[in-house]
Amino acid sequence: MKLSDALEDKQLDVRLRDKLVEQGKLTKKQLEDYTAKLEDSTANAAYTDENK
């Protein structure tokens, strides 16, 4: 993994992203663009409750 890829992953980590948006280091537009390109993986979901 390239360093730039690792830094991007860290920036978009759910544990850090809200703080980075608040600090202005990550824009809401960047976050929206990232989430828009994510695949829908609901077919791979594993349910633990009978009431899906």
C-alpha atoms as a PDB file:
ATOM      1  CA  MET A   1       0.000   0.000   0.000  1.00  0.00           C
ATOM      2  CA  LYS A   2       1.276   3.428  -0.904  1.00  0.00           C
ATOM      3  CA  LEU A   3       1.698   6.013   1.816  1.00  0.00           C
ATOM      4  CA  SER A   4      -0.809   8.325   0.124  1.00  0.00           C
ATOM      5  CA  ASP A   5      -3.430   5.541   0.133  1.00  0.00           C
ATOM      6  CA  ALA A   6      -2.789   4.843   3.806  1.00  0.00           C
ATOM      7  CA  LEU A   7      -3.178   8.520   4.681  1.00  0.00           C
ATOM      8  CA  GLU A   8      -6.455   8.725   2.734  1.00  0.00           C
ATOM      9  CA  ASP A   9      -7.783   5.651   4.543  1.00  0.00           C
ATOM     10  CA  LYS A  10      -6.838   7.201   7.879  1.00  0.00           C
ATOM     11  CA  GLN A  11      -8.506  10.474   6.944  1.00  0.00           C
ATOM     12  CA  LEU A  12     -11.777   8.704   6.126  1.00  0.00           C
ATOM     13  CA  ASP A  13     -11.717   6.437   9.171  1.00  0.00           C
ATOM     14  CA  VAL A  14     -15.034   6.795  10.997  1.00  0.00           C
ATOM     15  CA  ARG A  15     -13.159   7.319  14.266  1.00  0.00           C
ATOM     16  CA  LEU A  16     -11.383  10.410  12.888  1.00  0.00           C
ATOM     17  CA  ARG A  17     -13.493  11.819  10.061  1.00  0.00           C
ATOM     18  CA  ASP A  18     -15.881  13.984  12.119  1.00  0.00           C
ATOM     19  CA  LYS A  19     -12.973  15.578  13.934  1.00  0.00           C
ATOM     20  CA  LEU A  20     -11.157  16.230  10.644  1.00  0.00           C
ATOM     21  CA  VAL A  21     -14.286  17.794   9.112  1.00  0.00           C
ATOM     22  CA  GLU A  22     -14.660  20.007  12.177  1.00  0.00           C
ATOM     23  CA  GLN A  23     -11.021  21.095  11.899  1.00  0.00           C
ATOM     24  CA  GLY A  24     -11.403  21.812   8.178  1.00  0.00           C
ATOM     25  CA  LYS A  25      -8.850  19.180   7.170  1.00  0.00           C
ATOM     26  CA  LEU A  26     -11.534  17.209   5.345  1.00  0.00           C
ATOM     27  CA  THR A  27     -14.419  18.837   3.531  1.00  0.00           C
ATOM     28  CA  LYS A  28     -17.976  17.548   3.545  1.00  0.00           C
ATOM     29  CA  LYS A  29     -17.728  17.423  -0.249  1.00  0.00           C
ATOM     30  CA  GLN A  30     -14.726  15.075  -0.042  1.00  0.00           C
ATOM     31  CA  LEU A  31     -16.643  12.874   2.369  1.00  0.00           C
ATOM     32  CA  GLU A  32     -19.735  12.829   0.136  1.00  0.00           C
ATOM     33  CA  ASP A  33     -17.636  11.969  -2.927  1.00  0.00           C
ATOM     34  CA  TYR A  34     -15.969   9.103  -1.065  1.00  0.00           C
ATOM     35  CA  THR A  35     -19.212   7.613   0.247  1.00  0.00           C
ATOM     36  CA  ALA A  36     -20.882   7.957  -3.171  1.00  0.00           C
ATOM     37  CA  LYS A  37     -18.269   5.708  -4.786  1.00  0.00           C
ATOM     38  CA  LEU A  38     -18.547   2.914  -2.189  1.00  0.00           C
ATOM     39  CA  GLU A  39     -20.110  -0.352  -3.331  1.00  0.00           C
ATOM     40  CA  ASP A  40     -23.401  -1.559  -1.927  1.00  0.00           C
ATOM     41  CA  SER A  41     -22.525  -4.715   0.021  1.00  0.00           C
ATOM     42  CA  THR A  42     -25.897  -5.432   1.649  1.00  0.00           C
ATOM     43  CA  ALA A  43     -25.941  -8.801  -0.133  1.00  0.00           C
ATOM     44  CA  ASN A  44     -22.975  -9.814   2.047  1.00  0.00           C
ATOM     45  CA  ALA A  45     -24.673  -8.824   5.304  1.00  0.00           C
ATOM     46  CA  ALA A  46     -25.015 -11.384   8.077  1.00  0.00           C
ATOM     47  CA  TYR A  47     -28.071 -10.922  10.266  1.00  0.00           C
ATOM     48  CA  THR A  48     -28.003 -11.931  13.906  1.00  0.00           C
ATOM     49  CA  ASP A  49     -31.683 -11.359  14.612  1.00  0.00           C
ATOM     50  CA  GLU A  50     -34.639 -13.240  13.155  1.00  0.00           C
ATOM     51  CA  ASN A  51     -36.392  -9.904  12.413  1.00  0.00           C
ATOM     52  CA  LYS A  52     -34.400  -8.891   9.347  1.00  0.00           C
END
